[in-house]
Amino acid sequence: MTAFLSVSNLSASIRGNQQRVLRSVSFSIDTGEVLGLVGESGAGKSMIGKAVLGILPVAIDITEGEILLDGHDLLAMRPKDRRRLIGATAALIPQDPLTALNPSRRIEPQITNRLVDILGWTKAKARVRAMELLDEVSIDNPERVMASYPHELSGGMRQRVLIASAFAANPKLVVADEPTTALDVTVQKQILRLIRELQARHATAMVFVTHDLGVVSKICQRLSVLYGGMVVEDSTVAEFFDGPKHAYSRALLAATPKYTDPDASLLPVDEAVIEQVAGEVLAADRGWRHGA
């Protein structure tokens, strides 16, 4: 069976120099599957999601590789056609709901415009669907929320609005970019459960970007561990927690707080492990420059 999303040897660099931010990244996701992208800050997790959705920063260029979405070669398409396909097929749940929502607009058009623009619905039909979506994400009094501005809602409610907006056009792929980072622990748990329920209900393929291996264990079937824009390990979640193969992966898992033992000391990633994996990144860059 062909994967719904397939990324092969994807590399990206800062425009004007040879500083790579993604290094020959490869992975695939089947329909209904959730892939976790894990690693420390700056590892390239969010950059991969943005590359798939065609929203990389203007200073970042994809230099090689292939992105196939539902059989379509995104990098070979005209920009206009690529935007149309991605808009109709994929969606993003961003990290910070306060900055992701337009502070000068009410909630209603921030959900309904997607349905009108992408699916060609009437505003009346889109409004009914928006009300249903807000109810689906467990928001009480959807009519009041639709008439509100983002600053009038709590952080948890704003994130629920973003989730509703992401699933509005029934996307086949959702990129969730650390969607619980800005929330307190109690709300995080509720939001994660909600995302998982919606993903399972709609059989949506999902790329889930996170720092938290505990979240990966609950919501993902597979994961890719990244360091310096390079995948150092790719496995099923069961295999990973049974015994990571790469030294960096083992160090990340060892550094994860143990909720069953809150008094246990945290184990930072050993400097020797960092030197090892950084050396692998440098070796990959030397091989790339030599090949170029």
C-alpha atoms as a PDB file:
ATOM      1  CA  MET A   1       0.000   0.000   0.000  1.00  0.00           C
ATOM      2  CA  THR A   2       1.322   3.450  -0.945  1.00  0.00           C
ATOM      3  CA  ALA A   3       1.866   5.793   2.014  1.00  0.00           C
ATOM      4  CA  PHE A   4      -0.403   8.840   2.152  1.00  0.00           C
ATOM      5  CA  LEU A   5       2.590  11.080   2.925  1.00  0.00           C
ATOM      6  CA  SER A   6       6.084  10.116   1.855  1.00  0.00           C
ATOM      7  CA  VAL A   7       9.145  12.287   2.474  1.00  0.00           C
ATOM      8  CA  SER A   8      12.401  11.116   0.883  1.00  0.00           C
ATOM      9  CA  ASN A   9      15.916  12.537   1.355  1.00  0.00           C
ATOM     10  CA  LEU A  10      14.552  16.003   2.159  1.00  0.00           C
ATOM     11  CA  SER A  11      17.234  18.633   2.703  1.00  0.00           C
ATOM     12  CA  ALA A  12      16.869  22.371   3.217  1.00  0.00           C
ATOM     13  CA  SER A  13      19.395  25.162   3.606  1.00  0.00           C
ATOM     14  CA  ILE A  14      19.524  28.820   4.555  1.00  0.00           C
ATOM     15  CA  ARG A  15      19.480  30.853   1.370  1.00  0.00           C
ATOM     16  CA  GLY A  16      22.831  32.328   0.392  1.00  0.00           C
ATOM     17  CA  ASN A  17      25.058  29.806   2.159  1.00  0.00           C
ATOM     18  CA  GLN A  18      25.482  26.086   2.622  1.00  0.00           C
ATOM     19  CA  GLN A  19      24.160  25.908   6.189  1.00  0.00           C
ATOM     20  CA  ARG A  20      21.708  23.023   6.148  1.00  0.00           C
ATOM     21  CA  VAL A  21      18.708  22.968   8.483  1.00  0.00           C
ATOM     22  CA  LEU A  22      17.315  19.624   7.277  1.00  0.00           C
ATOM     23  CA  ARG A  23      19.587  16.748   6.331  1.00  0.00           C
ATOM     24  CA  SER A  24      18.268  13.944   4.081  1.00  0.00           C
ATOM     25  CA  VAL A  25      15.092  13.431   6.119  1.00  0.00           C
ATOM     26  CA  SER A  26      12.970  10.430   5.121  1.00  0.00           C
ATOM     27  CA  PHE A  27       9.748   8.999   6.583  1.00  0.00           C
ATOM     28  CA  SER A  28       6.287   7.914   5.505  1.00  0.00           C
ATOM     29  CA  ILE A  29       2.809   7.947   7.047  1.00  0.00           C
ATOM     30  CA  ASP A  30      -0.163   5.793   6.121  1.00  0.00           C
ATOM     31  CA  THR A  31      -3.780   6.902   6.298  1.00  0.00           C
ATOM     32  CA  GLY A  32      -4.900   7.026   9.929  1.00  0.00           C
ATOM     33  CA  GLU A  33      -1.339   6.754  11.290  1.00  0.00           C
ATOM     34  CA  VAL A  34       0.303   9.171  13.740  1.00  0.00           C
ATOM     35  CA  LEU A  35       4.044   9.805  13.454  1.00  0.00           C
ATOM     36  CA  GLY A  36       5.823  11.602  16.285  1.00  0.00           C
ATOM     37  CA  LEU A  37       8.784  13.875  15.531  1.00  0.00           C
ATOM     38  CA  VAL A  38      10.865  14.211  18.696  1.00  0.00           C
ATOM     39  CA  GLY A  39      14.113  15.874  19.666  1.00  0.00           C
ATOM     40  CA  GLU A  40      15.406  18.910  21.480  1.00  0.00           C
ATOM     41  CA  SER A  41      14.762  22.523  20.425  1.00  0.00           C
ATOM     42  CA  GLY A  42      16.380  23.322  17.101  1.00  0.00           C
ATOM     43  CA  ALA A  43      16.369  19.705  15.937  1.00  0.00           C
ATOM     44  CA  GLY A  44      14.253  20.560  12.893  1.00  0.00           C
ATOM     45  CA  LYS A  45      10.911  19.080  13.965  1.00  0.00           C
ATOM     46  CA  SER A  46       8.761  22.113  13.141  1.00  0.00           C
ATOM     47  CA  MET A  47      10.811  22.793  10.011  1.00  0.00           C
ATOM     48  CA  ILE A  48       9.793  19.400   8.616  1.00  0.00           C
ATOM     49  CA  GLY A  49       6.114  20.117   9.231  1.00  0.00           C
ATOM     50  CA  LYS A  50       6.422  23.511   7.547  1.00  0.00           C
ATOM     51  CA  ALA A  51       8.211  21.956   4.563  1.00  0.00           C
ATOM     52  CA  VAL A  52       5.342  19.487   4.101  1.00  0.00           C
ATOM     53  CA  LEU A  53       2.749  22.269   4.308  1.00  0.00           C
ATOM     54  CA  GLY A  54       4.710  24.630   2.047  1.00  0.00           C
ATOM     55  CA  ILE A  55       5.107  27.326   4.708  1.00  0.00           C
ATOM     56  CA  LEU A  56       8.866  27.372   5.243  1.00  0.00           C
ATOM     57  CA  PRO A  57      10.375  30.779   6.111  1.00  0.00           C
ATOM     58  CA  VAL A  58      11.303  32.736   2.982  1.00  0.00           C
ATOM     59  CA  ALA A  59      15.031  32.444   3.795  1.00  0.00           C
ATOM     60  CA  ILE A  60      14.900  28.614   3.756  1.00  0.00           C
ATOM     61  CA  ASP A  61      15.168  26.726   0.468  1.00  0.00           C
ATOM     62  CA  ILE A  62      14.538  23.024  -0.121  1.00  0.00           C
ATOM     63  CA  THR A  63      17.698  21.867  -1.899  1.00  0.00           C
ATOM     64  CA  GLU A  64      16.898  18.223  -2.582  1.00  0.00           C
ATOM     65  CA  GLY A  65      14.414  15.480  -1.883  1.00  0.00           C
ATOM     66  CA  GLU A  66      10.818  14.563  -2.600  1.00  0.00           C
ATOM     67  CA  ILE A  67       7.503  15.104  -0.812  1.00  0.00           C
ATOM     68  CA  LEU A  68       4.616  12.957  -2.046  1.00  0.00           C
ATOM     69  CA  LEU A  69       1.173  13.841  -0.682  1.00  0.00           C
ATOM     70  CA  ASP A  70      -1.587  11.436  -1.698  1.00  0.00           C
ATOM     71  CA  GLY A  71       0.516  10.490  -4.726  1.00  0.00           C
ATOM     72  CA  HIS A  72       1.216  14.083  -5.790  1.00  0.00           C
ATOM     73  CA  ASP A  73       4.829  15.314  -6.023  1.00  0.00           C
ATOM     74  CA  LEU A  74       4.537  18.624  -4.159  1.00  0.00           C
ATOM     75  CA  LEU A  75       7.972  19.948  -5.093  1.00  0.00           C
ATOM     76  CA  ALA A  76       7.336  19.364  -8.807  1.00  0.00           C
ATOM     77  CA  MET A  77       4.013  21.234  -8.821  1.00  0.00           C
ATOM     78  CA  ARG A  78       3.405  24.864  -9.704  1.00  0.00           C
ATOM     79  CA  PRO A  79       3.117  26.953  -6.493  1.00  0.00           C
ATOM     80  CA  LYS A  80      -0.530  27.798  -7.175  1.00  0.00           C
ATOM     81  CA  ASP A  81      -1.483  24.146  -7.690  1.00  0.00           C
ATOM     82  CA  ARG A  82       0.546  23.073  -4.664  1.00  0.00           C
ATOM     83  CA  ARG A  83      -1.203  25.598  -2.411  1.00  0.00           C
ATOM     84  CA  ARG A  84      -4.609  24.457  -3.659  1.00  0.00           C
ATOM     85  CA  LEU A  85      -3.812  20.785  -3.004  1.00  0.00           C
ATOM     86  CA  ILE A  86      -2.344  21.389   0.439  1.00  0.00           C
ATOM     87  CA  GLY A  87      -5.214  23.690   1.406  1.00  0.00           C
ATOM     88  CA  ALA A  88      -7.777  21.050   0.476  1.00  0.00           C
ATOM     89  CA  THR A  89      -5.869  18.081   1.899  1.00  0.00           C
ATOM     90  CA  ALA A  90      -3.839  19.179   4.930  1.00  0.00           C
ATOM     91  CA  ALA A  91      -4.120  21.411   7.990  1.00  0.00           C
ATOM     92  CA  LEU A  92      -1.979  22.755  10.825  1.00  0.00           C
ATOM     93  CA  ILE A  93      -2.582  22.876  14.577  1.00  0.00           C
ATOM     94  CA  PRO A  94      -0.022  25.514  15.600  1.00  0.00           C
ATOM     95  CA  GLN A  95       1.896  25.844  18.828  1.00  0.00           C
ATOM     96  CA  ASP A  96       0.581  29.098  20.330  1.00  0.00           C
ATOM     97  CA  PRO A  97      -3.171  29.710  19.998  1.00  0.00           C
ATOM     98  CA  LEU A  98      -2.934  33.360  21.039  1.00  0.00           C
ATOM     99  CA  THR A  99      -0.568  34.319  18.222  1.00  0.00           C
ATOM    100  CA  ALA A 100      -2.094  31.918  15.679  1.00  0.00           C
ATOM    101  CA  LEU A 101      -5.527  33.519  15.867  1.00  0.00           C
ATOM    102  CA  ASN A 102      -6.096  36.993  14.419  1.00  0.00           C
ATOM    103  CA  PRO A 103      -6.689  39.249  17.459  1.00  0.00           C
ATOM    104  CA  SER A 104      -8.732  41.768  15.447  1.00  0.00           C
ATOM    105  CA  ARG A 105     -11.287  39.264  14.128  1.00  0.00           C
ATOM    106  CA  ARG A 106     -14.032  37.315  15.838  1.00  0.00           C
ATOM    107  CA  ILE A 107     -13.772  33.538  16.033  1.00  0.00           C
ATOM    108  CA  GLU A 108     -16.548  32.782  13.523  1.00  0.00           C
ATOM    109  CA  PRO A 109     -14.815  33.970  10.324  1.00  0.00           C
ATOM    110  CA  GLN A 110     -11.553  32.381  11.450  1.00  0.00           C
ATOM    111  CA  ILE A 111     -13.273  29.002  11.131  1.00  0.00           C
ATOM    112  CA  THR A 112     -15.853  29.595   8.395  1.00  0.00           C
ATOM    113  CA  ASN A 113     -13.550  31.314   5.882  1.00  0.00           C
ATOM    114  CA  ARG A 114     -11.619  28.073   5.456  1.00  0.00           C
ATOM    115  CA  LEU A 115     -14.824  26.225   4.566  1.00  0.00           C
ATOM    116  CA  VAL A 116     -15.984  28.955   2.185  1.00  0.00           C
ATOM    117  CA  ASP A 117     -12.612  29.378   0.462  1.00  0.00           C
ATOM    118  CA  ILE A 118     -11.550  25.727   0.236  1.00  0.00           C
ATOM    119  CA  LEU A 119     -14.813  23.803  -0.022  1.00  0.00           C
ATOM    120  CA  GLY A 120     -16.876  26.532  -1.697  1.00  0.00           C
ATOM    121  CA  TRP A 121     -19.602  26.408   0.942  1.00  0.00           C
ATOM    122  CA  THR A 122     -22.071  29.226   1.537  1.00  0.00           C
ATOM    123  CA  LYS A 123     -21.470  31.310   4.653  1.00  0.00           C
ATOM    124  CA  ALA A 124     -24.698  30.001   6.177  1.00  0.00           C
ATOM    125  CA  LYS A 125     -23.686  26.356   5.693  1.00  0.00           C
ATOM    126  CA  ALA A 126     -20.165  27.097   6.977  1.00  0.00           C
ATOM    127  CA  ARG A 127     -21.594  28.732  10.092  1.00  0.00           C
ATOM    128  CA  VAL A 128     -23.678  25.654  10.902  1.00  0.00           C
ATOM    129  CA  ARG A 129     -20.616  23.432  10.446  1.00  0.00           C
ATOM    130  CA  ALA A 130     -18.513  25.765  12.634  1.00  0.00           C
ATOM    131  CA  MET A 131     -21.091  25.464  15.409  1.00  0.00           C
ATOM    132  CA  GLU A 132     -20.995  21.676  15.073  1.00  0.00           C
ATOM    133  CA  LEU A 133     -17.179  21.689  15.196  1.00  0.00           C
ATOM    134  CA  LEU A 134     -17.067  23.780  18.359  1.00  0.00           C
ATOM    135  CA  ASP A 135     -19.527  21.407  19.957  1.00  0.00           C
ATOM    136  CA  GLU A 136     -17.374  18.499  18.739  1.00  0.00           C
ATOM    137  CA  VAL A 137     -14.342  19.930  20.565  1.00  0.00           C
ATOM    138  CA  SER A 138     -16.403  20.218  23.773  1.00  0.00           C
ATOM    139  CA  ILE A 139     -16.915  23.996  23.825  1.00  0.00           C
ATOM    140  CA  ASP A 140     -19.982  25.066  25.757  1.00  0.00           C
ATOM    141  CA  ASN A 141     -22.147  27.797  24.244  1.00  0.00           C
ATOM    142  CA  PRO A 142     -20.582  27.753  20.742  1.00  0.00           C
ATOM    143  CA  GLU A 143     -22.655  30.752  19.667  1.00  0.00           C
ATOM    144  CA  ARG A 144     -21.032  32.955  22.319  1.00  0.00           C
ATOM    145  CA  VAL A 145     -17.568  31.713  21.384  1.00  0.00           C
ATOM    146  CA  MET A 146     -18.201  32.365  17.677  1.00  0.00           C
ATOM    147  CA  ALA A 147     -18.976  35.998  18.517  1.00  0.00           C
ATOM    148  CA  SER A 148     -15.913  36.403  20.751  1.00  0.00           C
ATOM    149  CA  TYR A 149     -12.451  37.765  20.044  1.00  0.00           C
ATOM    150  CA  PRO A 150      -9.461  35.516  20.846  1.00  0.00           C
ATOM    151  CA  HIS A 151      -8.416  37.536  23.920  1.00  0.00           C
ATOM    152  CA  GLU A 152     -11.839  36.911  25.453  1.00  0.00           C
ATOM    153  CA  LEU A 153     -11.212  33.149  25.572  1.00  0.00           C
ATOM    154  CA  SER A 154      -8.989  31.071  27.827  1.00  0.00           C
ATOM    155  CA  GLY A 155      -5.862  29.381  26.452  1.00  0.00           C
ATOM    156  CA  GLY A 156      -7.571  26.007  26.429  1.00  0.00           C
ATOM    157  CA  MET A 157     -10.603  27.361  24.567  1.00  0.00           C
ATOM    158  CA  ARG A 158      -8.390  29.088  21.995  1.00  0.00           C
ATOM    159  CA  GLN A 159      -6.570  25.810  21.361  1.00  0.00           C
ATOM    160  CA  ARG A 160      -9.904  24.018  20.960  1.00  0.00           C
ATOM    161  CA  VAL A 161     -10.890  26.644  18.381  1.00  0.00           C
ATOM    162  CA  LEU A 162      -7.673  25.960  16.447  1.00  0.00           C
ATOM    163  CA  ILE A 163      -8.341  22.220  16.552  1.00  0.00           C
ATOM    164  CA  ALA A 164     -11.873  22.788  15.287  1.00  0.00           C
ATOM    165  CA  SER A 165     -10.514  24.985  12.499  1.00  0.00           C
ATOM    166  CA  ALA A 166      -7.888  22.383  11.553  1.00  0.00           C
ATOM    167  CA  PHE A 167     -10.491  19.616  11.207  1.00  0.00           C
ATOM    168  CA  ALA A 168     -13.097  21.889   9.582  1.00  0.00           C
ATOM    169  CA  ALA A 169     -12.459  20.839   5.977  1.00  0.00           C
ATOM    170  CA  ASN A 170     -12.010  17.149   6.883  1.00  0.00           C
ATOM    171  CA  PRO A 171      -8.265  17.118   6.083  1.00  0.00           C
ATOM    172  CA  LYS A 172      -6.535  13.846   5.294  1.00  0.00           C
ATOM    173  CA  LEU A 173      -3.338  15.075   6.968  1.00  0.00           C
ATOM    174  CA  VAL A 174      -2.844  17.223  10.071  1.00  0.00           C
ATOM    175  CA  VAL A 175       0.476  18.607  11.290  1.00  0.00           C
ATOM    176  CA  ALA A 176       0.241  19.222  15.053  1.00  0.00           C
ATOM    177  CA  ASP A 177       3.174  21.467  15.993  1.00  0.00           C
ATOM    178  CA  GLU A 178       3.581  21.097  19.771  1.00  0.00           C
ATOM    179  CA  PRO A 179      -0.111  21.954  20.232  1.00  0.00           C
ATOM    180  CA  THR A 180      -0.037  21.823  24.051  1.00  0.00           C
ATOM    181  CA  THR A 181       3.161  23.777  24.772  1.00  0.00           C
ATOM    182  CA  ALA A 182       1.418  26.984  25.881  1.00  0.00           C
ATOM    183  CA  LEU A 183      -1.118  25.215  28.129  1.00  0.00           C
ATOM    184  CA  ASP A 184      -1.073  24.101  31.751  1.00  0.00           C
ATOM    185  CA  VAL A 185      -0.769  20.404  32.521  1.00  0.00           C
ATOM    186  CA  THR A 186      -4.463  19.747  33.201  1.00  0.00           C
ATOM    187  CA  VAL A 187      -5.581  21.405  29.965  1.00  0.00           C
ATOM    188  CA  GLN A 188      -2.776  19.645  28.048  1.00  0.00           C
ATOM    189  CA  LYS A 189      -4.255  16.276  28.957  1.00  0.00           C
ATOM    190  CA  GLN A 190      -7.714  17.316  27.768  1.00  0.00           C
ATOM    191  CA  ILE A 191      -6.399  18.713  24.479  1.00  0.00           C
ATOM    192  CA  LEU A 192      -4.313  15.608  23.755  1.00  0.00           C
ATOM    193  CA  ARG A 193      -7.315  13.360  24.359  1.00  0.00           C
ATOM    194  CA  LEU A 194      -9.409  15.546  22.069  1.00  0.00           C
ATOM    195  CA  ILE A 195      -6.834  15.475  19.243  1.00  0.00           C
ATOM    196  CA  ARG A 196      -6.516  11.711  19.520  1.00  0.00           C
ATOM    197  CA  GLU A 197     -10.297  11.221  19.427  1.00  0.00           C
ATOM    198  CA  LEU A 198     -10.734  13.450  16.368  1.00  0.00           C
ATOM    199  CA  GLN A 199      -7.776  11.846  14.584  1.00  0.00           C
ATOM    200  CA  ALA A 200      -9.150   8.351  15.191  1.00  0.00           C
ATOM    201  CA  ARG A 201     -12.713   9.322  14.281  1.00  0.00           C
ATOM    202  CA  HIS A 202     -11.684  10.801  10.931  1.00  0.00           C
ATOM    203  CA  ALA A 203      -8.812   8.329  10.225  1.00  0.00           C
ATOM    204  CA  THR A 204      -6.528  11.313   9.712  1.00  0.00           C
ATOM    205  CA  ALA A 205      -2.824  10.882   9.036  1.00  0.00           C
ATOM    206  CA  MET A 206      -0.918  13.049  11.508  1.00  0.00           C
ATOM    207  CA  VAL A 207       2.568  14.426  12.063  1.00  0.00           C
ATOM    208  CA  PHE A 208       2.831  15.173  15.785  1.00  0.00           C
ATOM    209  CA  VAL A 209       5.743  17.436  16.774  1.00  0.00           C
ATOM    210  CA  THR A 210       6.660  17.262  20.452  1.00  0.00           C
ATOM    211  CA  HIS A 211       9.421  17.306  23.049  1.00  0.00           C
ATOM    212  CA  ASP A 212       7.495  14.937  25.280  1.00  0.00           C
ATOM    213  CA  LEU A 213       8.147  11.207  24.891  1.00  0.00           C
ATOM    214  CA  GLY A 214       5.270  10.561  27.283  1.00  0.00           C
ATOM    215  CA  VAL A 215       2.916  12.157  24.763  1.00  0.00           C
ATOM    216  CA  VAL A 216       4.450  10.035  21.987  1.00  0.00           C
ATOM    217  CA  SER A 217       3.714   6.862  23.937  1.00  0.00           C
ATOM    218  CA  LYS A 218       0.014   7.771  24.152  1.00  0.00           C
ATOM    219  CA  ILE A 219      -0.777   9.241  20.752  1.00  0.00           C
ATOM    220  CA  CYS A 220       1.708   7.916  18.148  1.00  0.00           C
ATOM    221  CA  GLN A 221       2.262   4.577  16.434  1.00  0.00           C
ATOM    222  CA  ARG A 222       5.708   5.471  15.083  1.00  0.00           C
ATOM    223  CA  LEU A 223       8.354   8.072  15.796  1.00  0.00           C
ATOM    224  CA  SER A 224      11.441   9.672  14.291  1.00  0.00           C
ATOM    225  CA  VAL A 225      14.147  11.043  16.589  1.00  0.00           C
ATOM    226  CA  LEU A 226      15.934  14.105  15.229  1.00  0.00           C
ATOM    227  CA  TYR A 227      19.157  15.898  16.003  1.00  0.00           C
ATOM    228  CA  GLY A 228      20.523  18.804  13.975  1.00  0.00           C
ATOM    229  CA  GLY A 229      17.928  18.373  11.236  1.00  0.00           C
ATOM    230  CA  MET A 230      18.805  14.695  10.744  1.00  0.00           C
ATOM    231  CA  VAL A 231      16.796  11.579  11.632  1.00  0.00           C
ATOM    232  CA  VAL A 232      18.964   9.450  13.920  1.00  0.00           C
ATOM    233  CA  GLU A 233      16.348   6.789  14.631  1.00  0.00           C
ATOM    234  CA  ASP A 234      13.050   5.747  13.070  1.00  0.00           C
ATOM    235  CA  SER A 235      10.963   3.004  14.646  1.00  0.00           C
ATOM    236  CA  THR A 236       7.602   1.971  15.992  1.00  0.00           C
ATOM    237  CA  VAL A 237       6.711   3.376  19.387  1.00  0.00           C
ATOM    238  CA  ALA A 238       6.641  -0.128  20.881  1.00  0.00           C
ATOM    239  CA  GLU A 239      10.139  -0.914  19.605  1.00  0.00           C
ATOM    240  CA  PHE A 240      11.479   2.439  20.781  1.00  0.00           C
ATOM    241  CA  PHE A 241      10.270   2.088  24.361  1.00  0.00           C
ATOM    242  CA  ASP A 242      11.384  -1.522  24.420  1.00  0.00           C
ATOM    243  CA  GLY A 243      14.935  -0.417  23.634  1.00  0.00           C
ATOM    244  CA  PRO A 244      16.142   2.525  21.502  1.00  0.00           C
ATOM    245  CA  LYS A 245      18.953   1.642  19.116  1.00  0.00           C
ATOM    246  CA  HIS A 246      20.813   4.976  18.889  1.00  0.00           C
ATOM    247  CA  ALA A 247      22.816   6.312  21.836  1.00  0.00           C
ATOM    248  CA  TYR A 248      21.142   9.729  21.552  1.00  0.00           C
ATOM    249  CA  SER A 249      17.682   8.130  21.613  1.00  0.00           C
ATOM    250  CA  ARG A 250      18.612   6.137  24.708  1.00  0.00           C
ATOM    251  CA  ALA A 251      19.869   9.315  26.376  1.00  0.00           C
ATOM    252  CA  LEU A 252      16.638  11.182  25.556  1.00  0.00           C
ATOM    253  CA  LEU A 253      14.549   8.386  27.006  1.00  0.00           C
ATOM    254  CA  ALA A 254      16.720   8.255  30.142  1.00  0.00           C
ATOM    255  CA  ALA A 255      16.321  12.033  30.555  1.00  0.00           C
ATOM    256  CA  THR A 256      12.514  11.826  30.537  1.00  0.00           C
ATOM    257  CA  PRO A 257      10.992  12.523  33.997  1.00  0.00           C
ATOM    258  CA  LYS A 258       9.450   9.441  35.581  1.00  0.00           C
ATOM    259  CA  TYR A 259       5.943  10.331  36.696  1.00  0.00           C
ATOM    260  CA  THR A 260       5.776   7.104  38.701  1.00  0.00           C
ATOM    261  CA  ASP A 261       8.859   8.238  40.643  1.00  0.00           C
ATOM    262  CA  PRO A 262       8.699  12.043  41.035  1.00  0.00           C
ATOM    263  CA  ASP A 263      11.635  12.098  43.445  1.00  0.00           C
ATOM    264  CA  ALA A 264      14.014  10.468  40.971  1.00  0.00           C
ATOM    265  CA  SER A 265      16.915  12.625  39.795  1.00  0.00           C
ATOM    266  CA  LEU A 266      16.841  13.881  36.208  1.00  0.00           C
ATOM    267  CA  LEU A 267      19.552  12.475  33.972  1.00  0.00           C
ATOM    268  CA  PRO A 268      20.864  15.053  31.480  1.00  0.00           C
ATOM    269  CA  VAL A 269      22.057  13.854  28.091  1.00  0.00           C
ATOM    270  CA  ASP A 270      25.725  12.961  28.477  1.00  0.00           C
ATOM    271  CA  GLU A 271      28.176  15.286  26.727  1.00  0.00           C
ATOM    272  CA  ALA A 272      29.879  12.328  25.043  1.00  0.00           C
ATOM    273  CA  VAL A 273      26.571  11.352  23.420  1.00  0.00           C
ATOM    274  CA  ILE A 274      26.095  14.908  22.140  1.00  0.00           C
ATOM    275  CA  GLU A 275      29.611  14.867  20.695  1.00  0.00           C
ATOM    276  CA  GLN A 276      28.864  11.540  18.989  1.00  0.00           C
ATOM    277  CA  VAL A 277      25.631  12.606  17.334  1.00  0.00           C
ATOM    278  CA  ALA A 278      27.019  16.049  16.437  1.00  0.00           C
ATOM    279  CA  GLY A 279      29.911  14.246  14.755  1.00  0.00           C
ATOM    280  CA  GLU A 280      27.434  12.211  12.711  1.00  0.00           C
ATOM    281  CA  VAL A 281      25.772  15.433  11.549  1.00  0.00           C
ATOM    282  CA  LEU A 282      29.131  16.948  10.565  1.00  0.00           C
ATOM    283  CA  ALA A 283      30.080  13.765   8.704  1.00  0.00           C
ATOM    284  CA  ALA A 284      26.794  13.889   6.795  1.00  0.00           C
ATOM    285  CA  ASP A 285      27.482  17.515   5.830  1.00  0.00           C
ATOM    286  CA  ARG A 286      30.989  16.732   4.657  1.00  0.00           C
ATOM    287  CA  GLY A 287      29.638  13.935   2.465  1.00  0.00           C
ATOM    288  CA  TRP A 288      26.941  16.273   1.092  1.00  0.00           C
ATOM    289  CA  ARG A 289      29.403  19.037   0.226  1.00  0.00           C
ATOM    290  CA  HIS A 290      31.769  16.523  -1.377  1.00  0.00           C
ATOM    291  CA  GLY A 291      28.921  15.120  -3.456  1.00  0.00           C
ATOM    292  CA  ALA A 292      27.782  18.626  -4.408  1.00  0.00           C
END
